[in-house]
Amino acid sequence: MQHLEEVRNILADVLSLGERKHSLNEGTILLGNIPELDSMAVVNVITALEEYYDITVDDDEISAKTFETLGSLTHFVEQKLSS
């Protein structure tokens, strides 16, 4: 996962996680585990990813599974970049 570090940094910036970002790894559970990640934050994270990677994410592409772990979110971004 070549974009893991970038996605982690974007997530940490949007959620203002500070030093807690260093504890995030590929298997880190996101939804239900990070209190700052509520429905509005999900929208903000998607917007930040779209801007950073110059991708477009449609509403029907996003599910709870996308935000299950940092790895699943990174995998989603990498799929968008390859299409």
PDB file of N, CA and C in Angstrom:
ATOM      1  N   MET A   1       0.844  -1.188   0.000  1.00  0.00           N
ATOM      2  CA  MET A   1       0.000   0.000   0.000  1.00  0.00           C
ATOM      3  C   MET A   1       0.882   1.242   0.000  1.00  0.00           C
ATOM      4  N   GLN A   2       1.133   1.711  -1.173  1.00  0.00           N
ATOM      5  CA  GLN A   2       2.068   2.818  -1.317  1.00  0.00           C
ATOM      6  C   GLN A   2       1.518   4.153  -0.836  1.00  0.00           C
ATOM      7  N   HIS A   3       0.208   4.272  -0.687  1.00  0.00           N
ATOM      8  CA  HIS A   3      -0.383   5.552  -0.285  1.00  0.00           C
ATOM      9  C   HIS A   3      -0.807   5.576   1.190  1.00  0.00           C
ATOM     10  N   LEU A   4      -0.452   4.561   1.942  1.00  0.00           N
ATOM     11  CA  LEU A   4      -0.883   4.449   3.341  1.00  0.00           C
ATOM     12  C   LEU A   4      -0.479   5.672   4.161  1.00  0.00           C
ATOM     13  N   GLU A   5       0.760   6.096   4.039  1.00  0.00           N
ATOM     14  CA  GLU A   5       1.249   7.233   4.826  1.00  0.00           C
ATOM     15  C   GLU A   5       0.498   8.518   4.464  1.00  0.00           C
ATOM     16  N   GLU A   6       0.249   8.724   3.184  1.00  0.00           N
ATOM     17  CA  GLU A   6      -0.478   9.920   2.751  1.00  0.00           C
ATOM     18  C   GLU A   6      -1.906   9.916   3.282  1.00  0.00           C
ATOM     19  N   VAL A   7      -2.588   8.776   3.170  1.00  0.00           N
ATOM     20  CA  VAL A   7      -3.971   8.677   3.653  1.00  0.00           C
ATOM     21  C   VAL A   7      -4.000   8.873   5.167  1.00  0.00           C
ATOM     22  N   ARG A   8      -3.035   8.288   5.864  1.00  0.00           N
ATOM     23  CA  ARG A   8      -2.949   8.482   7.325  1.00  0.00           C
ATOM     24  C   ARG A   8      -2.788   9.964   7.657  1.00  0.00           C
ATOM     25  N   ASN A   9      -1.929  10.663   6.942  1.00  0.00           N
ATOM     26  CA  ASN A   9      -1.706  12.083   7.208  1.00  0.00           C
ATOM     27  C   ASN A   9      -2.954  12.915   6.922  1.00  0.00           C
ATOM     28  N   ILE A  10      -3.638  12.610   5.832  1.00  0.00           N
ATOM     29  CA  ILE A  10      -4.871  13.334   5.505  1.00  0.00           C
ATOM     30  C   ILE A  10      -5.911  13.100   6.582  1.00  0.00           C
ATOM     31  N   LEU A  11      -6.092  11.862   6.965  1.00  0.00           N
ATOM     32  CA  LEU A  11      -7.057  11.515   8.010  1.00  0.00           C
ATOM     33  C   LEU A  11      -6.717  12.238   9.313  1.00  0.00           C
ATOM     34  N   ALA A  12      -5.464  12.208   9.691  1.00  0.00           N
ATOM     35  CA  ALA A  12      -5.028  12.850  10.941  1.00  0.00           C
ATOM     36  C   ALA A  12      -5.208  14.358  10.876  1.00  0.00           C
ATOM     37  N   ASP A  13      -4.938  14.960   9.722  1.00  0.00           N
ATOM     38  CA  ASP A  13      -5.113  16.404   9.578  1.00  0.00           C
ATOM     39  C   ASP A  13      -6.580  16.800   9.672  1.00  0.00           C
ATOM     40  N   VAL A  14      -7.434  16.093   8.946  1.00  0.00           N
ATOM     41  CA  VAL A  14      -8.868  16.416   8.940  1.00  0.00           C
ATOM     42  C   VAL A  14      -9.472  16.243  10.331  1.00  0.00           C
ATOM     43  N   LEU A  15      -9.048  15.198  11.028  1.00  0.00           N
ATOM     44  CA  LEU A  15      -9.610  14.895  12.352  1.00  0.00           C
ATOM     45  C   LEU A  15      -8.849  15.558  13.490  1.00  0.00           C
ATOM     46  N   SER A  16      -7.774  16.274  13.160  1.00  0.00           N
ATOM     47  CA  SER A  16      -6.935  16.922  14.184  1.00  0.00           C
ATOM     48  C   SER A  16      -6.477  15.925  15.242  1.00  0.00           C
ATOM     49  N   LEU A  17      -5.900  14.824  14.793  1.00  0.00           N
ATOM     50  CA  LEU A  17      -5.476  13.762  15.717  1.00  0.00           C
ATOM     51  C   LEU A  17      -4.141  14.031  16.392  1.00  0.00           C
ATOM     52  N   GLY A  18      -3.367  14.958  15.866  1.00  0.00           N
ATOM     53  CA  GLY A  18      -2.075  15.274  16.469  1.00  0.00           C
ATOM     54  C   GLY A  18      -1.172  14.056  16.516  1.00  0.00           C
ATOM     55  N   GLU A  19      -0.564  13.836  17.662  1.00  0.00           N
ATOM     56  CA  GLU A  19       0.393  12.737  17.828  1.00  0.00           C
ATOM     57  C   GLU A  19      -0.262  11.357  17.750  1.00  0.00           C
ATOM     58  N   ARG A  20      -1.583  11.286  17.912  1.00  0.00           N
ATOM     59  CA  ARG A  20      -2.272   9.988  17.821  1.00  0.00           C
ATOM     60  C   ARG A  20      -2.150   9.379  16.434  1.00  0.00           C
ATOM     61  N   LYS A  21      -1.809  10.199  15.432  1.00  0.00           N
ATOM     62  CA  LYS A  21      -1.696   9.654  14.070  1.00  0.00           C
ATOM     63  C   LYS A  21      -0.609   8.586  13.993  1.00  0.00           C
ATOM     64  N   HIS A  22       0.387   8.661  14.852  1.00  0.00           N
ATOM     65  CA  HIS A  22       1.485   7.693  14.822  1.00  0.00           C
ATOM     66  C   HIS A  22       1.044   6.298  15.257  1.00  0.00           C
ATOM     67  N   SER A  23      -0.097   6.212  15.925  1.00  0.00           N
ATOM     68  CA  SER A  23      -0.595   4.903  16.350  1.00  0.00           C
ATOM     69  C   SER A  23      -1.484   4.260  15.280  1.00  0.00           C
ATOM     70  N   LEU A  24      -1.761   4.986  14.209  1.00  0.00           N
ATOM     71  CA  LEU A  24      -2.602   4.445  13.143  1.00  0.00           C
ATOM     72  C   LEU A  24      -1.768   3.581  12.201  1.00  0.00           C
ATOM     73  N   ASN A  25      -2.247   2.356  11.967  1.00  0.00           N
ATOM     74  CA  ASN A  25      -1.591   1.483  10.997  1.00  0.00           C
ATOM     75  C   ASN A  25      -2.650   0.869  10.097  1.00  0.00           C
ATOM     76  N   GLU A  26      -2.223   0.051   9.181  1.00  0.00           N
ATOM     77  CA  GLU A  26      -3.128  -0.517   8.179  1.00  0.00           C
ATOM     78  C   GLU A  26      -4.351  -1.192   8.795  1.00  0.00           C
ATOM     79  N   GLY A  27      -4.183  -1.834   9.925  1.00  0.00           N
ATOM     80  CA  GLY A  27      -5.282  -2.572  10.550  1.00  0.00           C
ATOM     81  C   GLY A  27      -6.092  -1.782  11.555  1.00  0.00           C
ATOM     82  N   THR A  28      -5.769  -0.520  11.760  1.00  0.00           N
ATOM     83  CA  THR A  28      -6.479   0.292  12.740  1.00  0.00           C
ATOM     84  C   THR A  28      -7.943   0.454  12.345  1.00  0.00           C
ATOM     85  N   ILE A  29      -8.830   0.086  13.265  1.00  0.00           N
ATOM     86  CA  ILE A  29     -10.268   0.267  13.061  1.00  0.00           C
ATOM     87  C   ILE A  29     -10.569   1.768  13.117  1.00  0.00           C
ATOM     88  N   LEU A  30     -11.314   2.259  12.136  1.00  0.00           N
ATOM     89  CA  LEU A  30     -11.635   3.683  12.093  1.00  0.00           C
ATOM     90  C   LEU A  30     -13.028   3.967  12.668  1.00  0.00           C
ATOM     91  N   LEU A  31     -14.067   3.488  11.984  1.00  0.00           N
ATOM     92  CA  LEU A  31     -15.436   3.767  12.440  1.00  0.00           C
ATOM     93  C   LEU A  31     -15.701   3.095  13.783  1.00  0.00           C
ATOM     94  N   GLY A  32     -16.169   3.874  14.729  1.00  0.00           N
ATOM     95  CA  GLY A  32     -16.460   3.352  16.060  1.00  0.00           C
ATOM     96  C   GLY A  32     -15.262   3.333  16.979  1.00  0.00           C
ATOM     97  N   ASN A  33     -14.079   3.587  16.447  1.00  0.00           N
ATOM     98  CA  ASN A  33     -12.861   3.555  17.246  1.00  0.00           C
ATOM     99  C   ASN A  33     -12.267   4.944  17.437  1.00  0.00           C
ATOM    100  N   ILE A  34     -12.452   5.808  16.459  1.00  0.00           N
ATOM    101  CA  ILE A  34     -11.938   7.173  16.545  1.00  0.00           C
ATOM    102  C   ILE A  34     -13.127   8.103  16.738  1.00  0.00           C
ATOM    103  N   PRO A  35     -13.294   8.643  17.952  1.00  0.00           N
ATOM    104  CA  PRO A  35     -14.478   9.462  18.256  1.00  0.00           C
ATOM    105  C   PRO A  35     -14.676  10.638  17.304  1.00  0.00           C
ATOM    106  N   GLU A  36     -13.589  11.187  16.797  1.00  0.00           N
ATOM    107  CA  GLU A  36     -13.693  12.344  15.902  1.00  0.00           C
ATOM    108  C   GLU A  36     -14.285  11.987  14.535  1.00  0.00           C
ATOM    109  N   LEU A  37     -14.305  10.706  14.194  1.00  0.00           N
ATOM    110  CA  LEU A  37     -14.779  10.277  12.879  1.00  0.00           C
ATOM    111  C   LEU A  37     -16.289  10.050  12.906  1.00  0.00           C
ATOM    112  N   ASP A  38     -17.026  11.155  12.853  1.00  0.00           N
ATOM    113  CA  ASP A  38     -18.475  11.081  12.767  1.00  0.00           C
ATOM    114  C   ASP A  38     -18.894  11.285  11.314  1.00  0.00           C
ATOM    115  N   SER A  39     -20.197  11.378  11.062  1.00  0.00           N
ATOM    116  CA  SER A  39     -20.669  11.462   9.680  1.00  0.00           C
ATOM    117  C   SER A  39     -20.161  12.714   8.965  1.00  0.00           C
ATOM    118  N   MET A  40     -20.080  13.832   9.644  1.00  0.00           N
ATOM    119  CA  MET A  40     -19.559  15.051   9.024  1.00  0.00           C
ATOM    120  C   MET A  40     -18.064  14.914   8.731  1.00  0.00           C
ATOM    121  N   ALA A  41     -17.351  14.265   9.620  1.00  0.00           N
ATOM    122  CA  ALA A  41     -15.918  14.070   9.412  1.00  0.00           C
ATOM    123  C   ALA A  41     -15.664  13.155   8.221  1.00  0.00           C
ATOM    124  N   VAL A  42     -16.524  12.160   8.017  1.00  0.00           N
ATOM    125  CA  VAL A  42     -16.383  11.271   6.855  1.00  0.00           C
ATOM    126  C   VAL A  42     -16.470  12.094   5.578  1.00  0.00           C
ATOM    127  N   VAL A  43     -17.441  13.001   5.513  1.00  0.00           N
ATOM    128  CA  VAL A  43     -17.586  13.875   4.349  1.00  0.00           C
ATOM    129  C   VAL A  43     -16.328  14.720   4.165  1.00  0.00           C
ATOM    130  N   ASN A  44     -15.800  15.264   5.248  1.00  0.00           N
ATOM    131  CA  ASN A  44     -14.600  16.089   5.172  1.00  0.00           C
ATOM    132  C   ASN A  44     -13.374  15.280   4.735  1.00  0.00           C
ATOM    133  N   VAL A  45     -13.270  14.053   5.188  1.00  0.00           N
ATOM    134  CA  VAL A  45     -12.157  13.188   4.787  1.00  0.00           C
ATOM    135  C   VAL A  45     -12.256  12.878   3.295  1.00  0.00           C
ATOM    136  N   ILE A  46     -13.451  12.547   2.829  1.00  0.00           N
ATOM    137  CA  ILE A  46     -13.640  12.259   1.404  1.00  0.00           C
ATOM    138  C   ILE A  46     -13.266  13.479   0.565  1.00  0.00           C
ATOM    139  N   THR A  47     -13.719  14.654   0.985  1.00  0.00           N
ATOM    140  CA  THR A  47     -13.396  15.890   0.268  1.00  0.00           C
ATOM    141  C   THR A  47     -11.892  16.116   0.230  1.00  0.00           C
ATOM    142  N   ALA A  48     -11.219  15.907   1.351  1.00  0.00           N
ATOM    143  CA  ALA A  48      -9.764  16.091   1.407  1.00  0.00           C
ATOM    144  C   ALA A  48      -9.047  15.098   0.494  1.00  0.00           C
ATOM    145  N   LEU A  49      -9.520  13.846   0.455  1.00  0.00           N
ATOM    146  CA  LEU A  49      -8.920  12.842  -0.423  1.00  0.00           C
ATOM    147  C   LEU A  49      -9.134  13.207  -1.891  1.00  0.00           C
ATOM    148  N   GLU A  50     -10.329  13.689  -2.209  1.00  0.00           N
ATOM    149  CA  GLU A  50     -10.618  14.107  -3.581  1.00  0.00           C
ATOM    150  C   GLU A  50      -9.684  15.225  -4.018  1.00  0.00           C
ATOM    151  N   GLU A  51      -9.499  16.192  -3.142  1.00  0.00           N
ATOM    152  CA  GLU A  51      -8.642  17.330  -3.471  1.00  0.00           C
ATOM    153  C   GLU A  51      -7.173  16.911  -3.575  1.00  0.00           C
ATOM    154  N   TYR A  52      -6.705  16.124  -2.642  1.00  0.00           N
ATOM    155  CA  TYR A  52      -5.293  15.727  -2.619  1.00  0.00           C
ATOM    156  C   TYR A  52      -4.927  14.875  -3.838  1.00  0.00           C
ATOM    157  N   TYR A  53      -5.792  13.891  -4.139  1.00  0.00           N
ATOM    158  CA  TYR A  53      -5.483  12.950  -5.210  1.00  0.00           C
ATOM    159  C   TYR A  53      -6.127  13.323  -6.551  1.00  0.00           C
ATOM    160  N   ASP A  54      -6.896  14.389  -6.590  1.00  0.00           N
ATOM    161  CA  ASP A  54      -7.596  14.815  -7.790  1.00  0.00           C
ATOM    162  C   ASP A  54      -8.466  13.678  -8.341  1.00  0.00           C
ATOM    163  N   ILE A  55      -9.290  13.130  -7.446  1.00  0.00           N
ATOM    164  CA  ILE A  55     -10.231  12.064  -7.804  1.00  0.00           C
ATOM    165  C   ILE A  55     -11.642  12.558  -7.499  1.00  0.00           C
ATOM    166  N   THR A  56     -12.618  11.842  -8.018  1.00  0.00           N
ATOM    167  CA  THR A  56     -14.014  12.122  -7.718  1.00  0.00           C
ATOM    168  C   THR A  56     -14.619  10.876  -7.097  1.00  0.00           C
ATOM    169  N   VAL A  57     -15.291  11.064  -5.970  1.00  0.00           N
ATOM    170  CA  VAL A  57     -15.915   9.948  -5.274  1.00  0.00           C
ATOM    171  C   VAL A  57     -17.428  10.160  -5.313  1.00  0.00           C
ATOM    172  N   ASP A  58     -18.134   9.204  -5.884  1.00  0.00           N
ATOM    173  CA  ASP A  58     -19.594   9.261  -5.920  1.00  0.00           C
ATOM    174  C   ASP A  58     -20.160   8.692  -4.624  1.00  0.00           C
ATOM    175  N   ASP A  59     -21.331   9.193  -4.243  1.00  0.00           N
ATOM    176  CA  ASP A  59     -21.959   8.754  -2.995  1.00  0.00           C
ATOM    177  C   ASP A  59     -22.146   7.241  -2.934  1.00  0.00           C
ATOM    178  N   ASP A  60     -22.480   6.631  -4.058  1.00  0.00           N
ATOM    179  CA  ASP A  60     -22.748   5.193  -4.049  1.00  0.00           C
ATOM    180  C   ASP A  60     -21.486   4.335  -3.970  1.00  0.00           C
ATOM    181  N   GLU A  61     -20.323   4.969  -4.009  1.00  0.00           N
ATOM    182  CA  GLU A  61     -19.054   4.229  -3.900  1.00  0.00           C
ATOM    183  C   GLU A  61     -18.613   4.060  -2.453  1.00  0.00           C
ATOM    184  N   ILE A  62     -19.184   4.833  -1.552  1.00  0.00           N
ATOM    185  CA  ILE A  62     -18.751   4.854  -0.156  1.00  0.00           C
ATOM    186  C   ILE A  62     -19.691   4.023   0.704  1.00  0.00           C
ATOM    187  N   SER A  63     -19.106   3.206   1.551  1.00  0.00           N
ATOM    188  CA  SER A  63     -19.889   2.443   2.523  1.00  0.00           C
ATOM    189  C   SER A  63     -19.112   2.402   3.836  1.00  0.00           C
ATOM    190  N   ALA A  64     -19.730   1.854   4.837  1.00  0.00           N
ATOM    191  CA  ALA A  64     -19.047   1.710   6.124  1.00  0.00           C
ATOM    192  C   ALA A  64     -17.796   0.842   5.958  1.00  0.00           C
ATOM    193  N   LYS A  65     -17.846  -0.105   5.024  1.00  0.00           N
ATOM    194  CA  LYS A  65     -16.701  -0.984   4.791  1.00  0.00           C
ATOM    195  C   LYS A  65     -15.484  -0.192   4.303  1.00  0.00           C
ATOM    196  N   THR A  66     -15.724   0.879   3.540  1.00  0.00           N
ATOM    197  CA  THR A  66     -14.632   1.724   3.055  1.00  0.00           C
ATOM    198  C   THR A  66     -13.861   2.311   4.227  1.00  0.00           C
ATOM    199  N   PHE A  67     -14.578   2.706   5.272  1.00  0.00           N
ATOM    200  CA  PHE A  67     -13.978   3.350   6.435  1.00  0.00           C
ATOM    201  C   PHE A  67     -13.783   2.378   7.597  1.00  0.00           C
ATOM    202  N   GLU A  68     -13.785   1.074   7.311  1.00  0.00           N
ATOM    203  CA  GLU A  68     -13.613   0.080   8.366  1.00  0.00           C
ATOM    204  C   GLU A  68     -12.233   0.188   9.013  1.00  0.00           C
ATOM    205  N   THR A  69     -11.183   0.222   8.190  1.00  0.00           N
ATOM    206  CA  THR A  69      -9.814   0.330   8.693  1.00  0.00           C
ATOM    207  C   THR A  69      -9.051   1.345   7.848  1.00  0.00           C
ATOM    208  N   LEU A  70      -7.900   1.732   8.334  1.00  0.00           N
ATOM    209  CA  LEU A  70      -7.043   2.608   7.536  1.00  0.00           C
ATOM    210  C   LEU A  70      -6.639   1.895   6.253  1.00  0.00           C
ATOM    211  N   GLY A  71      -6.427   0.609   6.327  1.00  0.00           N
ATOM    212  CA  GLY A  71      -6.073  -0.177   5.149  1.00  0.00           C
ATOM    213  C   GLY A  71      -7.193  -0.201   4.114  1.00  0.00           C
ATOM    214  N   SER A  72      -8.434  -0.362   4.554  1.00  0.00           N
ATOM    215  CA  SER A  72      -9.552  -0.396   3.603  1.00  0.00           C
ATOM    216  C   SER A  72      -9.750   0.969   2.953  1.00  0.00           C
ATOM    217  N   LEU A  73      -9.537   2.034   3.699  1.00  0.00           N
ATOM    218  CA  LEU A  73      -9.643   3.379   3.133  1.00  0.00           C
ATOM    219  C   LEU A  73      -8.527   3.610   2.113  1.00  0.00           C
ATOM    220  N   THR A  74      -7.326   3.178   2.435  1.00  0.00           N
ATOM    221  CA  THR A  74      -6.198   3.312   1.517  1.00  0.00           C
ATOM    222  C   THR A  74      -6.428   2.476   0.260  1.00  0.00           C
ATOM    223  N   HIS A  75      -6.931   1.275   0.432  1.00  0.00           N
ATOM    224  CA  HIS A  75      -7.229   0.410  -0.713  1.00  0.00           C
ATOM    225  C   HIS A  75      -8.256   1.083  -1.630  1.00  0.00           C
ATOM    226  N   PHE A  76      -9.277   1.703  -1.044  1.00  0.00           N
ATOM    227  CA  PHE A  76     -10.285   2.414  -1.832  1.00  0.00           C
ATOM    228  C   PHE A  76      -9.623   3.514  -2.668  1.00  0.00           C
ATOM    229  N   VAL A  77      -8.758   4.307  -2.034  1.00  0.00           N
ATOM    230  CA  VAL A  77      -8.068   5.397  -2.739  1.00  0.00           C
ATOM    231  C   VAL A  77      -7.227   4.829  -3.881  1.00  0.00           C
ATOM    232  N   GLU A  78      -6.514   3.752  -3.615  1.00  0.00           N
ATOM    233  CA  GLU A  78      -5.657   3.168  -4.647  1.00  0.00           C
ATOM    234  C   GLU A  78      -6.470   2.616  -5.816  1.00  0.00           C
ATOM    235  N   GLN A  79      -7.656   2.082  -5.534  1.00  0.00           N
ATOM    236  CA  GLN A  79      -8.542   1.622  -6.607  1.00  0.00           C
ATOM    237  C   GLN A  79      -9.001   2.808  -7.447  1.00  0.00           C
ATOM    238  N   LYS A  80      -9.339   3.917  -6.798  1.00  0.00           N
ATOM    239  CA  LYS A  80      -9.768   5.119  -7.521  1.00  0.00           C
ATOM    240  C   LYS A  80      -8.639   5.653  -8.407  1.00  0.00           C
ATOM    241  N   LEU A  81      -7.435   5.591  -7.908  1.00  0.00           N
ATOM    242  CA  LEU A  81      -6.298   6.104  -8.670  1.00  0.00           C
ATOM    243  C   LEU A  81      -5.967   5.240  -9.883  1.00  0.00           C
ATOM    244  N   SER A  82      -6.274   3.958  -9.803  1.00  0.00           N
ATOM    245  CA  SER A  82      -5.937   3.053 -10.895  1.00  0.00           C
ATOM    246  C   SER A  82      -7.035   2.967 -11.949  1.00  0.00           C
ATOM    247  N   SER A  83      -8.183   3.563 -11.675  1.00  0.00           N
ATOM    248  CA  SER A  83      -9.283   3.475 -12.656  1.00  0.00           C
ATOM    249  C   SER A  83      -9.336   4.673 -13.567  1.00  0.00           C
TER     250      SER A  83
END
